[in-house]
């Protein structure tokens, strides 16, 4: 009898211990840190310099303020920052529960679907894209881009009302198989469609960018009678969308670290940290250091000379361009697409539409006038939807100089004239934790931006809707 009582007692202790462990793990997963905004205009460059030196997590930066995130286990503020005036906001980490069952999404209707009411884990995003392709088989084509660093499948979605190339059947999809792409030209010939590429969140924690990309995909296939449908754009454009360019990192933000930034590839056998910054791994003006220290020399006489970035840094660019398999897969696919004239990299946060270049503020593209004109019109189009205001400028001027950026590669190497980065909502109230109630409004105004840019380009090409 005593033995039975003892075993029951031990079992109760074990269950209680496991429950406590689970609770601790859940608290660790959901507790947030502090977001500090340094908004003294004269101190912005100083804050950036200190953040670079101490590898702090910069969430956003403009010419007027810098947002720096300090996780719960972060050390105290560096002395150089502690003496600067700043505001502090507690950031909570809320990983939402799984959404409704797939059957309840109703993806045949943009207005009535529930999918865009929630953020979704990787498996649900992939399921949504596959269901979208299955629902609209005559105008969509799902493309396997390759595998991520951890072996996950990367998908692209092409949406087109025209044949991929008449005469050849694709045995796998049952549709048309595109032949070898012709050499890119700035404007397609009469009767040929123009290409428009949209990429979701390269940085894993920027959930709203992934959510916006799936919204745009559905808006493009939606019936033209539906409000916010973009299907009319298919008269002149083929759309190529990569909703999940960083599947490993995105999955990690759901499972372990909500604010994870990089991909998840193993850098080397003797490197303690994992992952590189995909958006510093593109081949145009790539550098082994994250930024040019020369810009900070006048602020800090002890600034270090150029040295390779620490692999543990959020901004680690890798040891060579295209080291990231995800970046390499995306580049290879886009290189096969014909007549691409527009490219938008969706990001968060900051409410900005930015054109090349990222690597320098001293040089403007030869197409800068047309790029900025289209971007200014796009910002007005965004505002007309829900009143949200977006800044416009080159990426370097709206943020800071950074090498190896996707927008520089697409413009300078892929010759995509209208290449942009769109930082979506908001301006810092929620940072990367934009509430789910803003997903659909963000998608709607992002659709307004895409529509304006497409119509601007069509007008330049003397095409009418």
Protein backbone atom coordinates (compact mmCIF):
# COMPACT_ATOMS: atom_id res chain seq x y z
CA UNK A 1 0.00 0.00 0.00
CA UNK A 2 2.80 2.35 0.95
CA UNK A 3 4.52 1.48 -2.35
CA UNK A 4 1.41 2.39 -4.34
CA UNK A 5 1.13 5.70 -2.46
CA UNK A 6 4.80 6.45 -3.14
CA UNK A 7 4.47 5.79 -6.86
CA UNK A 8 1.37 8.00 -7.03
CA UNK A 9 3.23 10.76 -5.22
CA UNK A 10 6.23 10.51 -7.57
CA UNK A 11 3.95 10.53 -10.61
CA UNK A 12 2.20 13.66 -9.34
CA UNK A 13 5.58 15.36 -8.80
CA UNK A 14 6.72 14.46 -12.32
CA UNK A 15 3.47 15.72 -13.89
CA UNK A 16 3.67 18.93 -11.87
CA UNK A 17 7.30 19.43 -12.88
CA UNK A 18 6.55 18.86 -16.57
CA UNK A 19 3.61 21.28 -16.41
CA UNK A 20 5.81 23.91 -14.81
CA UNK A 21 8.47 23.34 -17.48
CA UNK A 22 5.87 23.73 -20.22
CA UNK A 23 4.63 26.94 -18.64
CA UNK A 24 8.16 28.33 -18.42
CA UNK A 25 8.83 27.42 -22.05
CA UNK A 26 5.59 29.10 -23.12
CA UNK A 27 6.45 32.24 -21.15
CA UNK A 28 9.93 32.29 -22.69
CA UNK A 29 8.36 31.98 -26.11
CA UNK A 30 5.84 34.79 -25.61
CA UNK A 31 7.55 37.35 -23.41
CA UNK A 32 8.84 40.40 -25.21
CA UNK A 33 11.48 43.02 -24.70
CA UNK A 34 11.76 46.79 -24.97
CA UNK A 35 11.76 48.90 -28.12
CA UNK A 36 13.65 52.15 -27.60
CA UNK A 37 13.27 55.06 -30.02
CA UNK A 38 16.12 57.55 -30.19
CA UNK A 39 14.57 60.55 -31.90
CA UNK A 40 17.03 63.38 -31.46
CA UNK A 41 17.82 64.19 -35.09
CA UNK A 42 21.45 65.06 -34.41
CA UNK A 43 21.96 61.73 -32.61
CA UNK A 44 20.66 59.41 -35.32
CA UNK A 45 24.03 58.71 -36.92
CA UNK A 46 25.62 58.30 -33.49
CA UNK A 47 23.00 55.72 -32.51
CA UNK A 48 23.53 53.83 -35.75
CA UNK A 49 27.29 53.82 -35.17
CA UNK A 50 26.94 52.47 -31.61
CA UNK A 51 24.37 49.91 -32.73
CA UNK A 52 26.76 48.68 -35.41
CA UNK A 53 29.63 48.41 -32.95
CA UNK A 54 27.60 46.50 -30.33
CA UNK A 55 25.53 44.49 -32.83
CA UNK A 56 22.24 45.81 -31.49
CA UNK A 57 18.98 44.87 -33.17
CA UNK A 58 17.93 47.91 -35.23
CA UNK A 59 14.26 47.57 -36.12
CA UNK A 60 13.92 50.76 -38.13
CA UNK A 61 15.87 53.91 -38.91
CA UNK A 62 15.10 57.18 -40.65
CA UNK A 63 16.76 60.58 -40.80
CA UNK A 64 14.76 61.53 -37.69
CA UNK A 65 14.83 58.47 -35.41
CA UNK A 66 16.22 54.99 -34.80
CA UNK A 67 14.27 52.11 -33.20
CA UNK A 68 16.46 49.63 -31.31
CA UNK A 69 15.01 46.44 -29.82
CA UNK A 70 16.37 44.97 -26.59
CA UNK A 71 15.17 41.41 -25.86
CA UNK A 72 14.38 40.37 -22.28
CA UNK A 73 17.81 38.85 -21.73
CA UNK A 74 19.71 41.78 -23.26
CA UNK A 75 22.40 43.54 -21.19
CA UNK A 76 21.98 47.13 -20.08
CA UNK A 77 22.12 49.97 -22.58
CA UNK A 78 25.63 50.79 -23.84
CA UNK A 79 26.88 53.88 -22.06
CA UNK A 80 26.87 55.88 -25.29
CA UNK A 81 23.13 55.30 -25.65
CA UNK A 82 22.10 55.52 -22.00
CA UNK A 83 22.88 59.24 -21.97
CA UNK A 84 20.73 59.98 -25.04
CA UNK A 85 17.10 61.01 -24.74
CA UNK A 86 14.74 58.24 -25.87
CA UNK A 87 11.30 56.74 -25.36
CA UNK A 88 10.66 53.12 -24.41
CA UNK A 89 7.83 50.79 -25.38
CA UNK A 90 7.28 47.30 -24.00
CA UNK A 91 6.88 44.80 -26.81
CA UNK A 92 4.87 41.67 -26.15
CA UNK A 93 5.33 38.55 -28.23
CA UNK A 94 2.01 37.04 -29.18
CA UNK A 95 2.22 34.07 -31.50
CA UNK A 96 -1.42 33.56 -32.50
CA UNK A 97 -3.14 30.18 -32.37
CA UNK A 98 -3.74 28.30 -35.59
CA UNK A 99 -6.49 29.81 -37.70
CA UNK A 100 -9.67 28.16 -38.92
CA UNK A 101 -9.60 24.88 -40.79
CA UNK A 102 -8.62 25.02 -44.45
CA UNK A 103 -12.16 24.25 -45.56
CA UNK A 104 -13.39 27.45 -43.90
CA UNK A 105 -11.07 29.76 -45.83
CA UNK A 106 -13.41 30.11 -48.82
CA UNK A 107 -10.63 31.23 -51.14
CA UNK A 108 -12.99 31.48 -54.10
CA UNK A 109 -13.96 34.95 -52.88
CA UNK A 110 -11.58 37.77 -51.94
CA UNK A 111 -14.26 39.63 -49.99
CA UNK A 112 -15.59 36.64 -48.07
CA UNK A 113 -12.46 34.63 -47.35
CA UNK A 114 -11.35 34.38 -43.73
CA UNK A 115 -7.73 33.62 -44.63
CA UNK A 116 -6.66 37.27 -44.52
CA UNK A 117 -8.08 37.76 -41.03
CA UNK A 118 -5.13 35.93 -39.47
CA UNK A 119 -1.41 35.34 -39.66
CA UNK A 120 -0.56 31.80 -40.66
CA UNK A 121 2.30 29.38 -40.04
CA UNK A 122 4.35 28.08 -42.96
CA UNK A 123 2.23 24.98 -43.62
CA UNK A 124 -0.95 27.05 -43.93
CA UNK A 125 0.65 29.63 -46.24
CA UNK A 126 1.88 26.84 -48.51
CA UNK A 127 -1.53 25.16 -48.39
CA UNK A 128 -3.24 28.44 -49.30
CA UNK A 129 -1.03 28.98 -52.35
CA UNK A 130 -1.61 25.41 -53.55
CA UNK A 131 -5.38 25.76 -53.03
CA UNK A 132 -5.34 29.05 -54.91
CA UNK A 133 -3.59 27.37 -57.84
CA UNK A 134 -6.07 24.48 -57.74
CA UNK A 135 -9.05 26.85 -57.61
CA UNK A 136 -7.85 28.90 -60.59
CA UNK A 137 -6.03 26.31 -62.73
CA UNK A 138 -6.51 28.18 -66.01
CA UNK A 139 -4.56 31.26 -64.96
CA UNK A 140 -2.13 30.03 -62.29
CA UNK A 141 0.97 27.90 -62.31
CA UNK A 142 2.80 26.72 -59.19
CA UNK A 143 6.58 26.58 -59.64
CA UNK A 144 9.10 24.73 -57.47
CA UNK A 145 12.08 27.08 -57.08
CA UNK A 146 14.29 24.65 -55.18
CA UNK A 147 15.03 23.82 -51.57
CA UNK A 148 15.85 26.06 -48.62
CA UNK A 149 18.91 25.58 -46.40
CA UNK A 150 16.95 23.16 -44.18
CA UNK A 151 15.43 21.34 -47.13
CA UNK A 152 12.01 22.98 -47.33
CA UNK A 153 10.39 23.46 -50.70
CA UNK A 154 10.26 27.01 -52.06
CA UNK A 155 7.33 27.89 -54.31
CA UNK A 156 6.63 30.62 -56.80
CA UNK A 157 3.21 31.39 -58.26
CA UNK A 158 2.80 32.67 -61.81
CA UNK A 159 -0.57 34.26 -62.64
CA UNK A 160 -1.30 34.87 -66.32
CA UNK A 161 -4.33 34.87 -68.62
CA UNK A 162 -2.14 34.06 -71.60
CA UNK A 163 -0.61 30.74 -72.61
CA UNK A 164 2.82 30.09 -71.19
CA UNK A 165 3.83 29.24 -74.75
CA UNK A 166 1.41 27.63 -77.06
CA UNK A 167 2.04 24.16 -78.40
CA UNK A 168 3.82 22.42 -75.53
CA UNK A 169 2.01 20.67 -72.71
CA UNK A 170 3.44 20.49 -69.22
CA UNK A 171 3.03 16.86 -68.15
CA UNK A 172 3.25 17.68 -64.45
CA UNK A 173 0.72 20.49 -64.23
CA UNK A 174 -1.50 19.64 -67.19
CA UNK A 175 -1.13 23.19 -68.44
CA UNK A 176 1.32 24.91 -70.74
CA UNK A 177 5.05 24.69 -70.30
CA UNK A 178 7.05 27.83 -70.84
CA UNK A 179 9.92 27.52 -73.30
CA UNK A 180 13.32 29.02 -72.71
CA UNK A 181 12.74 32.66 -71.85
CA UNK A 182 13.72 35.21 -74.47
CA UNK A 183 16.24 37.89 -73.68
CA UNK A 184 14.74 40.56 -71.48
CA UNK A 185 13.71 43.81 -73.10
CA UNK A 186 12.60 47.00 -71.32
CA UNK A 187 9.17 46.85 -73.00
CA UNK A 188 7.51 43.80 -74.52
CA UNK A 189 6.39 43.80 -78.13
CA UNK A 190 2.74 44.31 -78.99
CA UNK A 191 0.70 41.38 -77.78
CA UNK A 192 3.31 40.24 -75.25
CA UNK A 193 2.70 40.58 -71.56
CA UNK A 194 4.89 42.59 -69.22
CA UNK A 195 6.30 40.80 -66.17
CA UNK A 196 5.69 41.96 -62.58
CA UNK A 197 7.52 40.22 -59.71
CA UNK A 198 6.44 40.45 -56.04
CA UNK A 199 8.50 38.96 -53.19
CA UNK A 200 7.30 38.44 -49.61
CA UNK A 201 9.33 38.64 -46.40
CA UNK A 202 13.02 37.85 -46.82
CA UNK A 203 13.38 38.76 -43.14
CA UNK A 204 11.54 36.10 -41.18
CA UNK A 205 9.91 38.32 -38.56
CA UNK A 206 8.20 40.64 -41.07
CA UNK A 207 4.94 38.70 -41.02
CA UNK A 208 2.81 41.44 -42.57
CA UNK A 209 4.93 41.26 -45.75
CA UNK A 210 4.12 37.57 -46.14
CA UNK A 211 0.44 38.22 -45.37
CA UNK A 212 0.31 41.04 -47.94
CA UNK A 213 1.86 38.85 -50.63
CA UNK A 214 -0.84 36.18 -50.20
CA UNK A 215 -3.53 38.87 -50.23
CA UNK A 216 -2.15 40.26 -53.50
CA UNK A 217 -2.08 36.79 -55.04
CA UNK A 218 -5.77 36.35 -54.32
CA UNK A 219 -6.64 39.91 -55.39
CA UNK A 220 -5.03 39.26 -58.79
CA UNK A 221 -7.08 36.11 -59.45
CA UNK A 222 -10.30 37.48 -57.92
CA UNK A 223 -13.31 38.17 -60.11
CA UNK A 224 -13.26 41.74 -61.43
CA UNK A 225 -16.68 42.35 -59.86
CA UNK A 226 -15.18 42.11 -56.38
CA UNK A 227 -14.02 45.23 -54.59
CA UNK A 228 -10.18 45.48 -54.52
CA UNK A 229 -9.81 42.91 -57.32
CA UNK A 230 -6.67 43.42 -59.42
CA UNK A 231 -7.61 40.99 -62.19
CA UNK A 232 -7.82 43.76 -64.83
CA UNK A 233 -4.05 44.09 -64.58
CA UNK A 234 -3.76 40.64 -66.20
CA UNK A 235 -4.73 42.25 -69.52
CA UNK A 236 -1.16 43.54 -69.79
CA UNK A 237 0.85 41.83 -67.03
CA UNK A 238 1.97 38.39 -65.93
CA UNK A 239 2.52 38.30 -62.16
CA UNK A 240 5.17 36.17 -60.48
CA UNK A 241 4.86 35.99 -56.69
CA UNK A 242 7.14 34.41 -54.09
CA UNK A 243 5.15 34.58 -50.84
CA UNK A 244 7.70 32.72 -48.73
CA UNK A 245 11.32 33.47 -49.76
CA UNK A 246 12.64 32.49 -46.30
CA UNK A 247 10.62 29.43 -45.22
CA UNK A 248 13.11 28.21 -42.60
CA UNK A 249 13.35 31.54 -40.83
CA UNK A 250 9.61 32.10 -40.98
CA UNK A 251 8.90 28.70 -39.44
CA UNK A 252 11.43 29.48 -36.69
CA UNK A 253 9.53 32.67 -35.78
CA UNK A 254 6.48 30.52 -35.04
CA UNK A 255 8.29 27.78 -33.17
CA UNK A 256 11.10 29.45 -31.23
CA UNK A 257 11.91 33.14 -31.70
CA UNK A 258 9.19 35.53 -32.92
CA UNK A 259 11.73 38.18 -33.92
CA UNK A 260 14.23 35.99 -35.75
CA UNK A 261 15.68 37.91 -38.71
CA UNK A 262 17.93 35.76 -40.91
CA UNK A 263 17.60 32.44 -42.68
CA UNK A 264 18.61 29.27 -40.80
CA UNK A 265 21.52 27.86 -42.74
CA UNK A 266 24.57 26.46 -40.99
CA UNK A 267 27.39 28.86 -41.82
CA UNK A 268 30.32 26.60 -41.04
CA UNK A 269 31.43 23.70 -38.83
CA UNK A 270 33.14 26.01 -36.31
CA UNK A 271 30.60 28.86 -36.27
CA UNK A 272 28.45 29.05 -33.15
CA UNK A 273 25.70 31.12 -34.78
CA UNK A 274 23.22 30.23 -37.51
CA UNK A 275 21.90 32.11 -40.51
CA UNK A 276 22.72 35.06 -42.74
CA UNK A 277 20.86 38.18 -43.79
CA UNK A 278 19.35 37.25 -47.15
CA UNK A 279 18.89 40.90 -48.08
CA UNK A 280 22.63 41.51 -47.81
CA UNK A 281 23.58 38.41 -49.79
CA UNK A 282 22.67 39.56 -53.29
CA UNK A 283 25.53 39.87 -55.75
CA UNK A 284 25.43 43.55 -56.72
CA UNK A 285 27.91 45.56 -54.61
CA UNK A 286 28.10 42.74 -52.07
CA UNK A 287 30.62 43.26 -49.26
CA UNK A 288 31.69 41.04 -46.33
CA UNK A 289 30.94 43.97 -43.98
CA UNK A 290 27.38 45.09 -43.32
CA UNK A 291 27.94 48.82 -43.83
CA UNK A 292 30.69 51.25 -44.71
CA UNK A 293 32.33 52.45 -41.50
CA UNK A 294 33.68 55.52 -43.27
CA UNK A 295 30.31 57.22 -42.86
CA UNK A 296 30.77 57.08 -39.07
CA UNK A 297 34.40 58.19 -38.82
CA UNK A 298 33.49 61.79 -37.99
CA UNK A 299 31.29 60.57 -35.13
CA UNK A 300 33.69 58.12 -33.57
CA UNK A 301 37.41 58.49 -33.89
CA UNK A 302 37.78 54.92 -32.62
CA UNK A 303 35.67 53.50 -35.45
CA UNK A 304 37.11 50.26 -36.63
CA UNK A 305 38.42 49.79 -40.15
CA UNK A 306 36.48 47.56 -42.51
CA UNK A 307 36.30 44.04 -41.14
CA UNK A 308 34.00 41.13 -42.02
CA UNK A 309 30.74 41.18 -40.11
CA UNK A 310 30.44 38.85 -37.12
CA UNK A 311 28.44 35.73 -38.14
CA UNK A 312 26.28 36.24 -35.04
CA UNK A 313 25.18 39.67 -36.29
CA UNK A 314 21.63 40.19 -37.54
CA UNK A 315 23.17 41.74 -40.63
CA UNK A 316 25.68 39.00 -41.40
CA UNK A 317 25.98 39.02 -45.24
CA UNK A 318 27.73 35.65 -45.55
CA UNK A 319 31.19 34.87 -46.88
CA UNK A 320 30.23 35.34 -50.53
CA UNK A 321 27.29 36.57 -52.61
CA UNK A 322 24.48 34.08 -53.23
CA UNK A 323 25.70 31.86 -50.40
CA UNK A 324 22.09 31.61 -49.28
CA UNK A 325 20.36 28.82 -51.24
CA UNK A 326 17.12 30.79 -50.95
CA UNK A 327 18.65 33.88 -52.58
CA UNK A 328 20.20 31.71 -55.26
CA UNK A 329 16.86 30.00 -56.01
CA UNK A 330 15.02 33.30 -56.33
CA UNK A 331 17.69 34.81 -58.58
CA UNK A 332 17.73 31.77 -60.84
CA UNK A 333 13.95 31.80 -61.29
CA UNK A 334 13.65 35.51 -61.98
CA UNK A 335 16.44 35.25 -64.56
CA UNK A 336 14.19 32.92 -66.60
CA UNK A 337 11.15 35.22 -66.63
CA UNK A 338 10.57 37.21 -69.82
CA UNK A 339 9.85 40.93 -70.13
CA UNK A 340 10.01 41.73 -66.41
CA UNK A 341 9.57 45.47 -66.03
CA UNK A 342 8.46 45.79 -62.38
CA UNK A 343 9.67 44.35 -59.09
CA UNK A 344 8.45 44.97 -55.52
CA UNK A 345 10.13 43.57 -52.41
CA UNK A 346 7.60 43.64 -49.56
CA UNK A 347 8.96 44.42 -46.12
CA UNK A 348 8.03 46.00 -42.81
CA UNK A 349 7.88 48.34 -41.14
CA UNK A 350 8.12 52.09 -41.87
CA UNK A 351 5.52 53.00 -44.55
CA UNK A 352 7.99 53.81 -47.33
CA UNK A 353 8.33 53.15 -51.05
CA UNK A 354 12.04 53.06 -51.86
CA UNK A 355 13.87 52.86 -55.18
CA UNK A 356 17.54 51.97 -55.87
CA UNK A 357 20.17 52.34 -54.68
CA UNK A 358 20.74 50.77 -51.28
CA UNK A 359 24.52 50.54 -51.32
CA UNK A 360 25.16 54.29 -51.71
CA UNK A 361 23.43 57.64 -51.27
CA UNK A 362 25.87 59.35 -53.65
CA UNK A 363 24.65 57.79 -56.88
CA UNK A 364 21.25 57.83 -58.57
CA UNK A 365 20.02 55.39 -61.23
CA UNK A 366 19.63 56.72 -64.74
CA UNK A 367 15.91 55.92 -64.41
CA UNK A 368 15.53 57.74 -61.09
CA UNK A 369 13.12 60.35 -62.44
CA UNK A 370 10.64 57.77 -63.76
CA UNK A 371 11.08 55.59 -60.66
CA UNK A 372 10.33 58.42 -58.25
CA UNK A 373 7.43 59.71 -60.34
CA UNK A 374 5.78 56.29 -60.26
CA UNK A 375 6.52 55.89 -56.54
CA UNK A 376 4.98 59.28 -55.69
CA UNK A 377 1.83 58.32 -57.56
CA UNK A 378 1.80 54.97 -55.78
CA UNK A 379 2.04 56.67 -52.40
CA UNK A 380 -1.01 58.78 -53.27
CA UNK A 381 -2.84 55.64 -54.38
CA UNK A 382 -2.07 54.02 -51.01
CA UNK A 383 -3.35 57.05 -49.14
CA UNK A 384 -6.59 57.06 -51.15
CA UNK A 385 -7.50 53.60 -49.82
CA UNK A 386 -7.33 54.04 -46.03
CA UNK A 387 -5.47 57.32 -45.52
CA UNK A 388 -2.09 55.72 -44.80
CA UNK A 389 0.86 57.93 -45.70
CA UNK A 390 4.05 56.57 -47.27
CA UNK A 391 7.38 58.33 -47.73
CA UNK A 392 9.20 58.09 -51.06
CA UNK A 393 12.93 58.15 -51.83
CA UNK A 394 15.94 56.01 -52.58
CA UNK A 395 16.44 53.11 -50.18
CA UNK A 396 19.75 54.49 -48.97
CA UNK A 397 18.24 57.89 -48.17
CA UNK A 398 15.12 56.49 -46.46
CA UNK A 399 17.15 54.02 -44.37
CA UNK A 400 20.95 53.80 -44.42
CA UNK A 401 23.64 52.52 -46.82
CA UNK A 402 23.62 48.71 -47.06
CA UNK A 403 25.37 46.42 -49.52
CA UNK A 404 24.05 43.39 -51.39
CA UNK A 405 20.37 44.42 -51.42
CA UNK A 406 17.80 42.69 -53.61
CA UNK A 407 16.49 45.93 -55.10
CA UNK A 408 19.97 46.90 -56.36
CA UNK A 409 20.41 43.48 -57.95
CA UNK A 410 17.04 43.55 -59.69
CA UNK A 411 17.65 46.98 -61.13
CA UNK A 412 21.36 46.81 -61.98
CA UNK A 413 21.74 43.15 -62.95
CA UNK A 414 18.26 42.03 -64.04
CA UNK A 415 17.54 45.39 -65.73
CA UNK A 416 14.11 45.68 -64.08
CA UNK A 417 13.50 49.40 -64.48
CA UNK A 418 10.77 49.84 -61.88
CA UNK A 419 12.36 48.10 -58.89
CA UNK A 420 11.12 49.02 -55.41
CA UNK A 421 11.16 48.10 -51.76
CA UNK A 422 7.85 48.69 -49.98
CA UNK A 423 8.02 48.91 -46.18
CA UNK A 424 4.44 48.33 -45.08
CA UNK A 425 2.60 49.34 -41.88
CA UNK A 426 3.20 50.76 -39.37
CA UNK A 427 5.65 53.49 -38.24
CA UNK A 428 6.63 51.92 -34.93
CA UNK A 429 3.58 51.63 -32.69
CA UNK A 430 3.56 47.85 -33.06
CA UNK A 431 6.79 47.32 -34.97
CA UNK A 432 6.91 43.79 -36.35
CA UNK A 433 3.89 42.77 -34.26
CA UNK A 434 1.22 44.51 -36.32
CA UNK A 435 -2.17 43.25 -35.04
CA UNK A 436 -4.13 40.86 -37.24
CA UNK A 437 -6.97 43.34 -37.68
CA UNK A 438 -4.68 45.40 -39.93
CA UNK A 439 -3.79 42.54 -42.31
CA UNK A 440 -6.65 43.10 -44.74
CA UNK A 441 -6.40 46.93 -44.79
CA UNK A 442 -2.66 46.60 -45.41
CA UNK A 443 -3.33 44.19 -48.28
CA UNK A 444 -5.93 46.51 -49.77
CA UNK A 445 -3.68 49.57 -49.77
CA UNK A 446 -0.72 47.51 -51.03
CA UNK A 447 -2.96 46.44 -53.88
CA UNK A 448 -3.56 50.12 -54.62
CA UNK A 449 0.20 50.61 -54.87
CA UNK A 450 0.64 47.64 -57.23
CA UNK A 451 -2.25 48.81 -59.40
CA UNK A 452 -0.87 52.33 -59.75
CA UNK A 453 2.64 51.17 -60.64
CA UNK A 454 1.24 48.74 -63.23
CA UNK A 455 -0.96 51.37 -64.84
CA UNK A 456 1.88 53.90 -64.83
CA UNK A 457 4.10 51.42 -66.68
CA UNK A 458 1.31 50.51 -69.12
CA UNK A 459 0.79 54.17 -69.90
CA UNK A 460 4.50 54.62 -70.52
CA UNK A 461 4.32 51.64 -72.89
CA UNK A 462 1.31 53.24 -74.60
CA UNK A 463 -1.09 50.54 -73.47
CA UNK A 464 -4.58 51.26 -72.19
CA UNK A 465 -6.86 49.41 -69.78
